[in-house]
Amino acid sequence: MLAIGVYKCVDKKYKMTQIEAAKKNQITSLMLKVSAKENIPPQILCKKVSQGRIVIPKNKNHKIKRICGIGEGLTTKVNANLGTSTDKVSLKAELKKLKIAIEAGADTVMDLSVGGNLKAVRREILRESSVPVGTVPIYEAAVEASRINGSILKMSKEQMLSVIESQAAEGVDFFTIHCGITEGSLSLLKKHKRILDIVSRGGAILATWMSFHHQENPFYENFDEILKICYKYDVTLSLGDSLRPGSIIDATDKLQIKELSLLGKLAKRAREFNVGVMIEGPGHIPINQIQKNVLLEKKLCGNAPFYVLGPLVTDVAAGYDHITAAIGGALAASFGADFLCYVTASEHLRHPSYTDVKEGVVAAKIAAHAGDIAKGIKNATNWDRSISLARKIRDWKKQIKLSIDPVKAKLYRYSSLTDKLDVCSMCGDYCSLKMAEECLR
């Protein structure tokens, strides 16, 4: 562990944002917690926060136990999406999923609710969560406009900004803001035919509103107003990829790159405003394009932390998309992606179950760890070394304890025991490790 006591940090009730403090070379209590957790010197962490290469999602109004840093040189983090749908509205169920996701190792969660009392759901998730919580404010703005005025088309710009302000005041730690879809990109979309035009729900809501009113994206036009709100509460911005590919056939096309370039310019503006910022990425991307996508984001967005959905490396794995996402996520992380949004087995098919949530988090955690090994993250391989040493001597208890999912490992081990407890039922009397141990004495 690092000796962190020698560093003087600013007051816990800091008045500056994390990036603002870092620019002044002031190490905050949050930076100290992240540096200790990640085992990197606080001054190095502080410098990277000041450069926008690392963010620490933490609203001034939200009390959480598990602080996390996201970005260059840190372990790859995992987000789990929760939230009601218009067909599945149960606060109790979403709170149970929250608990399952955190116990499985999620570093953050996002409330993507669009059904029921959104404020009540969000406030309970904020209250119960021990990790940072993110939202997509356009969802609430659209749902409220539909409820009160009868249509999402009757949203006003003022209502959209009001929702962002109210959620920030409640304690939301990071926002997905779809500010990269513009009138220009919609015009290009009509000319440039895709297999799947817009798969981002937030992006589709805004595109529908823009097309009907023949007006520019309010989030793009009023970006500075959004920055003022985020600065006030130290909310981290996650710039949403409205035009991410929803099919590998559409991957890395002009629309996606045009939006990414714009997000890079907006990210620069956010850092100048002393607001932490991440960039959201694709989407459905074939394996051979993942490295290019990660390097493009880092180049166009000033090395801002890259938050990727998957990426999913094929479109044909309905029911198994936690696997396709883990394949893509491991590769993306190895090339420099910093934050993986989990994808569950129910993606494209249904609202996720409790099992879907757990297995989605575990699959993403496996991908993140595999990426960290390739990145050369300090101590990443120590975990693997420890479990391998336990495996060599058939120390089952230690192997189970060190597994990414000890509950499942224990269930599998004790569901099929042999007469000889120092081997497993896979090889039995022909255990290669035991035979090697005996012949090499």
Protein backbone atom coordinates (compact mmCIF):
# COMPACT_ATOMS: atom_id res chain seq x y z
CA MET A 1 0.00 0.00 0.00
CA LEU A 2 1.10 3.56 -0.62
CA ALA A 3 1.91 5.79 2.31
CA ILE A 4 -0.79 8.38 1.71
CA GLY A 5 -0.64 10.17 5.04
CA VAL A 6 2.18 12.45 3.92
CA TYR A 7 -0.01 14.20 1.38
CA LYS A 8 -2.05 17.20 2.40
CA CYS A 9 -5.48 17.08 0.84
CA VAL A 10 -8.18 19.71 0.50
CA ASP A 11 -11.26 19.67 2.76
CA LYS A 12 -13.71 16.83 2.29
CA LYS A 13 -16.46 19.35 1.62
CA TYR A 14 -14.53 20.66 -1.35
CA LYS A 15 -15.81 23.67 -3.25
CA MET A 16 -13.93 22.84 -6.43
CA THR A 17 -14.55 19.99 -8.86
CA GLN A 18 -12.01 17.17 -8.91
CA ILE A 19 -10.47 18.33 -12.18
CA GLU A 20 -10.34 21.92 -10.94
CA ALA A 21 -8.54 20.91 -7.75
CA ALA A 22 -6.14 18.75 -9.77
CA LYS A 23 -5.31 21.66 -12.08
CA LYS A 24 -4.32 23.59 -8.95
CA ASN A 25 -2.20 20.60 -7.88
CA GLN A 26 -4.44 20.02 -4.85
CA ILE A 27 -4.90 16.36 -3.97
CA THR A 28 -8.42 15.74 -2.70
CA SER A 29 -9.58 13.06 -0.28
CA LEU A 30 -11.22 11.26 -3.21
CA MET A 31 -7.92 11.21 -5.10
CA LEU A 32 -6.22 9.73 -2.04
CA LYS A 33 -8.82 6.97 -1.84
CA VAL A 34 -8.42 6.13 -5.53
CA SER A 35 -4.62 6.21 -5.37
CA ALA A 36 -4.61 3.82 -2.40
CA LYS A 37 -7.11 1.48 -4.06
CA GLU A 38 -5.23 1.47 -7.37
CA ASN A 39 -1.77 1.49 -5.79
CA ILE A 40 -0.49 4.47 -7.77
CA PRO A 41 1.16 7.62 -6.39
CA PRO A 42 -1.36 10.40 -5.62
CA GLN A 43 0.65 12.99 -7.54
CA ILE A 44 0.51 10.87 -10.71
CA LEU A 45 -3.23 10.38 -10.28
CA CYS A 46 -3.69 14.10 -9.66
CA LYS A 47 -1.82 14.99 -12.85
CA LYS A 48 -3.94 12.62 -14.95
CA VAL A 49 -7.15 14.00 -13.45
CA SER A 50 -5.97 17.50 -14.34
CA GLN A 51 -5.35 16.35 -17.94
CA GLY A 52 -8.78 14.76 -18.23
CA ARG A 53 -7.29 11.28 -18.62
CA ILE A 54 -8.92 10.10 -15.37
CA VAL A 55 -12.31 10.94 -13.88
CA ILE A 56 -13.70 10.23 -10.41
CA PRO A 57 -17.52 10.11 -10.66
CA LYS A 58 -18.83 11.49 -7.38
CA ASN A 59 -21.57 14.08 -6.95
CA LYS A 60 -21.04 16.46 -4.03
CA ASN A 61 -24.52 15.50 -2.78
CA HIS A 62 -24.13 11.71 -2.95
CA LYS A 63 -22.67 9.66 -0.11
CA ILE A 64 -21.11 6.45 -1.41
CA LYS A 65 -18.70 3.96 0.11
CA ARG A 66 -16.97 2.62 -2.99
CA ILE A 67 -15.19 5.45 -4.77
CA CYS A 68 -13.71 4.56 -8.15
CA GLY A 69 -11.44 6.23 -10.65
CA ILE A 70 -11.86 5.59 -14.37
CA GLY A 71 -9.14 6.15 -16.92
CA GLU A 72 -5.54 5.79 -17.98
CA GLY A 73 -3.36 3.51 -15.85
CA LEU A 74 -6.24 2.33 -13.64
CA THR A 75 -7.99 -1.02 -13.58
CA THR A 76 -10.78 -1.31 -16.13
CA LYS A 77 -14.13 -0.60 -14.50
CA VAL A 78 -17.53 -2.21 -15.12
CA ASN A 79 -20.98 -0.61 -15.16
CA ALA A 80 -24.30 -2.43 -14.73
CA ASN A 81 -27.52 -1.01 -16.18
CA LEU A 82 -30.69 -1.21 -14.10
CA GLY A 83 -34.12 0.36 -14.32
CA THR A 84 -37.78 -0.15 -15.05
CA SER A 85 -39.31 -0.49 -18.50
CA THR A 86 -42.81 0.41 -19.64
CA ASP A 87 -43.70 -3.30 -19.31
CA LYS A 88 -41.76 -4.15 -16.13
CA VAL A 89 -42.32 -1.66 -13.32
CA SER A 90 -41.08 -2.87 -9.93
CA LEU A 91 -38.93 -0.80 -7.61
CA LYS A 92 -38.39 -3.86 -5.41
CA ALA A 93 -37.02 -5.84 -8.36
CA GLU A 94 -34.65 -3.07 -9.46
CA LEU A 95 -33.31 -2.65 -5.91
CA LYS A 96 -32.65 -6.39 -5.78
CA LYS A 97 -30.81 -6.14 -9.10
CA LEU A 98 -28.80 -3.26 -7.65
CA LYS A 99 -27.70 -5.46 -4.75
CA ILE A 100 -26.89 -8.37 -7.07
CA ALA A 101 -24.86 -6.17 -9.42
CA ILE A 102 -22.78 -4.64 -6.62
CA GLU A 103 -22.17 -8.01 -4.95
CA ALA A 104 -21.04 -9.40 -8.33
CA GLY A 105 -18.47 -6.60 -8.61
CA ALA A 106 -20.04 -3.72 -10.56
CA ASP A 107 -18.03 -0.53 -10.03
CA THR A 108 -20.95 1.73 -11.02
CA VAL A 109 -24.61 1.38 -11.94
CA MET A 110 -26.89 3.33 -14.25
CA ASP A 111 -30.61 3.84 -13.70
CA LEU A 112 -32.21 3.71 -17.15
CA SER A 113 -35.81 3.68 -15.94
CA VAL A 114 -38.62 4.67 -18.30
CA GLY A 115 -41.59 3.10 -16.47
CA GLY A 116 -43.44 4.03 -13.30
CA ASN A 117 -42.44 6.79 -10.91
CA LEU A 118 -38.96 7.61 -12.20
CA LYS A 119 -38.09 10.00 -9.38
CA ALA A 120 -39.00 7.44 -6.72
CA VAL A 121 -36.97 4.70 -8.42
CA ARG A 122 -33.94 6.94 -8.88
CA ARG A 123 -34.01 8.30 -5.35
CA GLU A 124 -34.14 4.82 -3.86
CA ILE A 125 -31.29 3.60 -6.07
CA LEU A 126 -29.25 6.66 -5.05
CA ARG A 127 -30.02 5.98 -1.40
CA GLU A 128 -29.23 2.26 -1.54
CA SER A 129 -26.22 2.29 -3.87
CA SER A 130 -22.72 2.07 -2.42
CA VAL A 131 -21.23 2.82 -5.86
CA PRO A 132 -21.55 5.81 -8.22
CA VAL A 133 -24.90 6.11 -10.01
CA GLY A 134 -25.42 7.38 -13.56
CA THR A 135 -28.57 8.32 -15.49
CA VAL A 136 -29.73 9.41 -18.93
CA PRO A 137 -31.73 12.61 -18.20
CA ILE A 138 -33.48 12.72 -21.59
CA TYR A 139 -35.44 9.62 -20.54
CA GLU A 140 -37.15 11.42 -17.66
CA ALA A 141 -37.74 14.52 -19.79
CA ALA A 142 -39.43 12.41 -22.47
CA VAL A 143 -41.49 10.33 -20.04
CA GLU A 144 -42.71 13.43 -18.19
CA ALA A 145 -43.61 15.22 -21.43
CA SER A 146 -45.57 12.17 -22.53
CA ARG A 147 -47.35 11.90 -19.18
CA ILE A 148 -48.20 15.58 -18.78
CA ASN A 149 -48.53 16.78 -22.38
CA GLY A 150 -49.39 13.56 -24.16
CA SER A 151 -46.27 13.31 -26.34
CA ILE A 152 -42.48 13.36 -26.15
CA LEU A 153 -42.64 15.88 -28.98
CA LYS A 154 -43.99 18.43 -26.51
CA MET A 155 -40.79 18.54 -24.47
CA SER A 156 -39.39 22.04 -24.14
CA LYS A 157 -35.71 22.93 -23.98
CA GLU A 158 -36.35 24.36 -20.53
CA GLN A 159 -37.82 21.06 -19.35
CA MET A 160 -34.80 19.14 -20.60
CA LEU A 161 -32.38 21.37 -18.70
CA SER A 162 -34.62 21.35 -15.64
CA VAL A 163 -34.44 17.56 -15.45
CA ILE A 164 -30.64 17.70 -15.59
CA GLU A 165 -30.59 20.26 -12.77
CA SER A 166 -33.00 18.30 -10.55
CA GLN A 167 -31.17 14.99 -11.03
CA ALA A 168 -27.83 16.65 -10.27
CA ALA A 169 -29.27 18.16 -7.08
CA GLU A 170 -30.49 14.69 -6.04
CA GLY A 171 -26.95 13.32 -6.25
CA VAL A 172 -26.53 11.60 -9.63
CA ASP A 173 -22.80 11.05 -10.14
CA PHE A 174 -22.59 10.91 -13.95
CA PHE A 175 -24.87 11.77 -16.84
CA THR A 176 -25.10 10.32 -20.32
CA ILE A 177 -25.85 13.37 -22.46
CA HIS A 178 -26.59 12.83 -26.16
CA CYS A 179 -25.17 16.11 -27.45
CA GLY A 180 -23.38 14.71 -30.50
CA ILE A 181 -26.39 14.12 -32.73
CA THR A 182 -27.06 17.30 -34.72
CA GLU A 183 -29.18 18.52 -37.62
CA GLY A 184 -26.15 17.96 -39.83
CA SER A 185 -25.73 14.34 -38.77
CA LEU A 186 -29.45 13.65 -39.22
CA SER A 187 -29.23 15.02 -42.76
CA LEU A 188 -26.25 12.74 -43.42
CA LEU A 189 -28.11 9.78 -41.92
CA LYS A 190 -30.93 10.20 -44.46
CA LYS A 191 -28.39 10.03 -47.30
CA HIS A 192 -26.11 7.40 -45.83
CA LYS A 193 -28.25 4.28 -45.50
CA ARG A 194 -27.51 2.04 -42.55
CA ILE A 195 -28.79 -1.41 -41.67
CA LEU A 196 -29.94 -0.01 -38.30
CA ASP A 197 -30.30 3.76 -38.35
CA ILE A 198 -30.29 4.75 -34.65
CA VAL A 199 -30.14 2.17 -31.85
CA SER A 200 -29.47 4.62 -29.03
CA ARG A 201 -32.74 5.22 -27.17
CA GLY A 202 -31.66 8.70 -26.05
CA GLY A 203 -30.41 9.50 -29.53
CA ALA A 204 -33.68 8.33 -31.10
CA ILE A 205 -35.75 10.47 -28.71
CA LEU A 206 -33.74 13.56 -29.60
CA ALA A 207 -33.74 12.78 -33.33
CA THR A 208 -37.54 12.45 -33.25
CA TRP A 209 -37.88 15.79 -31.44
CA MET A 210 -35.41 17.54 -33.76
CA SER A 211 -37.08 16.23 -36.92
CA PHE A 212 -40.54 17.29 -35.76
CA HIS A 213 -39.54 20.79 -34.64
CA HIS A 214 -36.89 21.35 -37.33
CA GLN A 215 -34.57 22.56 -34.60
CA GLU A 216 -31.02 21.82 -33.48
CA ASN A 217 -30.31 19.39 -30.63
CA PRO A 218 -31.02 21.36 -27.40
CA PHE A 219 -28.23 19.53 -25.59
CA TYR A 220 -25.75 20.64 -28.25
CA GLU A 221 -27.05 24.19 -28.39
CA ASN A 222 -27.15 24.56 -24.61
CA PHE A 223 -23.98 22.61 -23.81
CA ASP A 224 -22.53 25.42 -21.70
CA GLU A 225 -25.69 25.47 -19.57
CA ILE A 226 -25.26 21.75 -18.97
CA LEU A 227 -21.62 22.34 -18.04
CA LYS A 228 -22.68 24.94 -15.45
CA ILE A 229 -24.96 22.40 -13.79
CA CYS A 230 -22.31 19.67 -13.84
CA TYR A 231 -19.72 22.05 -12.44
CA LYS A 232 -22.03 23.10 -9.59
CA TYR A 233 -22.46 19.52 -8.34
CA ASP A 234 -19.26 17.96 -9.77
CA VAL A 235 -21.22 15.59 -12.01
CA THR A 236 -19.08 13.71 -14.52
CA LEU A 237 -20.29 13.96 -18.11
CA SER A 238 -20.47 10.82 -20.23
CA LEU A 239 -20.95 12.04 -23.78
CA GLY A 240 -23.38 9.61 -25.40
CA ASP A 241 -22.87 8.00 -28.79
CA SER A 242 -26.29 8.50 -30.38
CA LEU A 243 -25.02 7.17 -33.70
CA ARG A 244 -23.18 4.10 -32.46
CA PRO A 245 -23.50 1.13 -34.82
CA GLY A 246 -26.20 -1.39 -33.93
CA SER A 247 -24.93 -3.83 -36.54
CA ILE A 248 -21.37 -4.81 -37.37
CA ILE A 249 -22.23 -3.91 -40.97
CA ASP A 250 -22.55 -0.25 -39.90
CA ALA A 251 -19.36 -0.23 -37.79
CA THR A 252 -16.88 2.63 -38.05
CA ASP A 253 -18.89 4.47 -40.70
CA LYS A 254 -18.92 8.20 -41.46
CA LEU A 255 -21.79 8.89 -39.07
CA GLN A 256 -20.08 7.25 -36.11
CA ILE A 257 -16.74 9.00 -36.74
CA LYS A 258 -18.37 12.38 -37.39
CA GLU A 259 -20.12 12.20 -34.03
CA LEU A 260 -16.97 11.02 -32.26
CA SER A 261 -15.05 13.98 -33.66
CA LEU A 262 -17.72 16.37 -32.36
CA LEU A 263 -17.69 14.70 -28.95
CA GLY A 264 -13.94 15.27 -28.82
CA LYS A 265 -14.47 19.01 -29.28
CA LEU A 266 -17.19 19.06 -26.62
CA ALA A 267 -14.96 17.08 -24.25
CA LYS A 268 -12.27 19.73 -24.62
CA ARG A 269 -14.86 22.39 -23.80
CA ALA A 270 -15.92 20.43 -20.71
CA ARG A 271 -12.36 20.17 -19.41
CA GLU A 272 -11.88 23.91 -19.95
CA PHE A 273 -15.01 24.39 -17.84
CA ASN A 274 -13.49 22.14 -15.12
CA VAL A 275 -16.00 19.34 -15.65
CA GLY A 276 -14.83 15.72 -15.81
CA VAL A 277 -15.79 13.94 -19.01
CA MET A 278 -15.89 10.46 -20.53
CA ILE A 279 -16.70 9.39 -24.07
CA GLU A 280 -19.14 6.60 -24.86
CA GLY A 281 -18.29 4.22 -27.67
CA PRO A 282 -19.70 1.49 -29.86
CA GLY A 283 -21.68 -0.67 -30.03
CA HIS A 284 -21.50 -3.51 -32.53
CA ILE A 285 -17.93 -3.72 -33.86
CA PRO A 286 -16.16 -6.68 -35.52
CA ILE A 287 -13.01 -7.86 -33.78
CA ASN A 288 -10.65 -6.50 -36.43
CA GLN A 289 -11.98 -2.92 -35.97
CA ILE A 290 -11.83 -2.69 -32.17
CA GLN A 291 -8.25 -1.44 -31.90
CA LYS A 292 -8.88 1.22 -34.55
CA ASN A 293 -11.95 2.45 -32.65
CA VAL A 294 -10.14 2.73 -29.33
CA LEU A 295 -7.17 4.55 -30.86
CA LEU A 296 -9.51 6.92 -32.74
CA GLU A 297 -11.31 7.84 -29.53
CA LYS A 298 -8.07 8.55 -27.71
CA LYS A 299 -6.79 10.66 -30.62
CA LEU A 300 -9.98 12.64 -31.29
CA CYS A 301 -11.02 13.10 -27.66
CA GLY A 302 -7.75 14.08 -25.98
CA ASN A 303 -7.29 10.73 -24.22
CA ALA A 304 -10.56 11.07 -22.32
CA PRO A 305 -11.67 7.84 -20.60
CA PHE A 306 -13.43 5.57 -23.09
CA TYR A 307 -16.70 3.96 -21.96
CA VAL A 308 -17.74 1.13 -24.29
CA LEU A 309 -20.94 -0.88 -24.61
CA GLY A 310 -19.47 -4.31 -25.16
CA PRO A 311 -18.47 -3.94 -27.92
CA LEU A 312 -20.44 -6.82 -29.41
CA VAL A 313 -18.36 -8.61 -32.02
CA THR A 314 -21.18 -10.37 -33.86
CA ASP A 315 -24.92 -9.84 -34.33
CA VAL A 316 -26.02 -13.49 -34.33
CA ALA A 317 -25.67 -14.44 -30.65
CA ALA A 318 -29.13 -13.55 -29.29
CA GLY A 319 -29.38 -15.09 -25.83
CA TYR A 320 -25.59 -15.12 -25.46
CA ASP A 321 -24.69 -11.48 -25.93
CA HIS A 322 -22.97 -11.33 -22.53
CA ILE A 323 -20.39 -13.58 -24.21
CA THR A 324 -20.09 -11.57 -27.43
CA ALA A 325 -19.73 -8.42 -25.32
CA ALA A 326 -17.09 -10.01 -23.08
CA ILE A 327 -15.03 -10.97 -26.13
CA GLY A 328 -15.19 -7.42 -27.45
CA GLY A 329 -14.77 -5.88 -24.02
CA ALA A 330 -11.58 -7.82 -23.30
CA LEU A 331 -10.07 -6.71 -26.59
CA ALA A 332 -11.21 -3.10 -26.16
CA ALA A 333 -9.76 -2.98 -22.65
CA SER A 334 -6.49 -4.47 -23.84
CA PHE A 335 -6.19 -1.67 -26.43
CA GLY A 336 -6.94 1.07 -23.90
CA ALA A 337 -10.70 1.27 -23.21
CA ASP A 338 -11.24 2.25 -19.58
CA PHE A 339 -14.83 1.43 -18.71
CA LEU A 340 -17.04 -1.47 -19.86
CA CYS A 341 -20.82 -1.32 -19.80
CA TYR A 342 -22.06 -4.81 -19.20
CA VAL A 343 -24.35 -6.51 -21.69
CA THR A 344 -26.68 -9.25 -20.48
CA ALA A 345 -27.84 -12.45 -22.15
CA SER A 346 -31.24 -10.80 -22.55
CA GLU A 347 -29.92 -7.95 -24.72
CA HIS A 348 -32.23 -7.36 -27.74
CA LEU A 349 -34.79 -9.83 -26.32
CA ARG A 350 -36.30 -8.89 -22.95
CA HIS A 351 -35.97 -7.03 -19.67
CA PRO A 352 -33.05 -8.61 -17.76
CA SER A 353 -33.68 -11.06 -14.92
CA TYR A 354 -31.72 -11.33 -11.67
CA THR A 355 -29.59 -14.10 -13.22
CA ASP A 356 -29.01 -12.02 -16.34
CA VAL A 357 -27.71 -9.15 -14.21
CA LYS A 358 -25.29 -11.29 -12.23
CA GLU A 359 -23.93 -13.17 -15.23
CA GLY A 360 -23.66 -9.93 -17.21
CA VAL A 361 -21.54 -8.31 -14.49
CA VAL A 362 -19.35 -11.39 -14.07
CA ALA A 363 -18.76 -11.67 -17.83
CA ALA A 364 -17.78 -7.98 -17.99
CA LYS A 365 -15.50 -8.35 -14.94
CA ILE A 366 -13.73 -11.24 -16.65
CA ALA A 367 -13.27 -9.11 -19.76
CA ALA A 368 -12.02 -6.16 -17.72
CA HIS A 369 -9.48 -8.29 -15.86
CA ALA A 370 -8.27 -9.95 -19.05
CA GLY A 371 -7.78 -6.48 -20.52
CA ASP A 372 -5.88 -5.32 -17.44
CA ILE A 373 -3.44 -8.22 -17.78
CA ALA A 374 -2.76 -7.21 -21.39
CA LYS A 375 -2.44 -3.53 -20.40
CA GLY A 376 0.19 -4.41 -17.82
CA ILE A 377 -1.81 -2.93 -14.94
CA LYS A 378 0.25 -3.23 -11.76
CA ASN A 379 -0.62 -6.38 -9.78
CA ALA A 380 -3.19 -7.55 -12.37
CA THR A 381 -1.44 -10.91 -12.83
CA ASN A 382 -0.94 -11.46 -9.09
CA TRP A 383 -4.53 -12.68 -8.79
CA ASP A 384 -3.91 -15.25 -11.53
CA ARG A 385 -0.60 -16.28 -9.97
CA SER A 386 -2.27 -16.87 -6.61
CA ILE A 387 -5.08 -19.04 -7.95
CA SER A 388 -2.63 -20.99 -10.14
CA LEU A 389 -0.47 -21.80 -7.11
CA ALA A 390 -3.57 -22.97 -5.25
CA ARG A 391 -4.58 -25.06 -8.26
CA LYS A 392 -1.15 -26.71 -8.36
CA ILE A 393 -1.55 -28.14 -4.85
CA ARG A 394 -5.29 -28.72 -5.27
CA ASP A 395 -6.19 -26.27 -2.53
CA TRP A 396 -9.89 -26.17 -3.38
CA LYS A 397 -10.95 -23.73 -0.69
CA LYS A 398 -8.39 -21.16 -1.81
CA GLN A 399 -9.24 -21.69 -5.49
CA ILE A 400 -12.91 -21.09 -4.76
CA LYS A 401 -12.16 -18.02 -2.64
CA LEU A 402 -9.99 -16.52 -5.39
CA SER A 403 -12.51 -17.22 -8.18
CA ILE A 404 -14.28 -14.27 -9.79
CA ASP A 405 -17.56 -15.93 -8.74
CA PRO A 406 -16.86 -17.97 -5.59
CA VAL A 407 -20.52 -18.96 -5.17
CA LYS A 408 -20.67 -20.68 -8.56
CA ALA A 409 -17.19 -22.20 -8.17
CA LYS A 410 -18.19 -23.72 -4.83
CA LEU A 411 -21.47 -25.03 -6.26
CA TYR A 412 -19.67 -26.73 -9.14
CA ARG A 413 -16.96 -28.23 -6.95
CA TYR A 414 -19.26 -29.73 -4.33
CA SER A 415 -21.90 -30.91 -6.79
CA SER A 416 -19.49 -33.54 -8.15
CA LEU A 417 -17.01 -34.76 -5.54
CA THR A 418 -14.82 -37.86 -6.02
CA ASP A 419 -13.60 -40.36 -3.42
CA LYS A 420 -10.18 -38.74 -3.65
CA LEU A 421 -10.63 -35.16 -2.41
CA ASP A 422 -7.33 -33.88 -3.84
CA VAL A 423 -8.58 -34.26 -7.44
CA CYS A 424 -11.74 -33.27 -9.31
CA SER A 425 -14.22 -35.43 -11.21
CA MET A 426 -12.93 -34.22 -14.58
CA CYS A 427 -9.75 -36.33 -14.52
CA GLY A 428 -10.12 -38.39 -11.35
CA ASP A 429 -7.26 -40.91 -11.11
CA TYR A 430 -5.61 -39.37 -14.15
CA CYS A 431 -5.10 -35.87 -12.71
CA SER A 432 -2.19 -34.37 -14.63
CA LEU A 433 -1.18 -32.10 -11.76
CA LYS A 434 -1.04 -34.98 -9.28
CA MET A 435 0.91 -37.24 -11.65
CA ALA A 436 3.39 -34.45 -12.42
CA GLU A 437 3.81 -33.75 -8.71
CA GLU A 438 4.66 -37.38 -8.04
CA CYS A 439 7.06 -37.86 -10.97
CA LEU A 440 8.92 -34.60 -10.34
CA ARG A 441 9.66 -35.21 -6.66
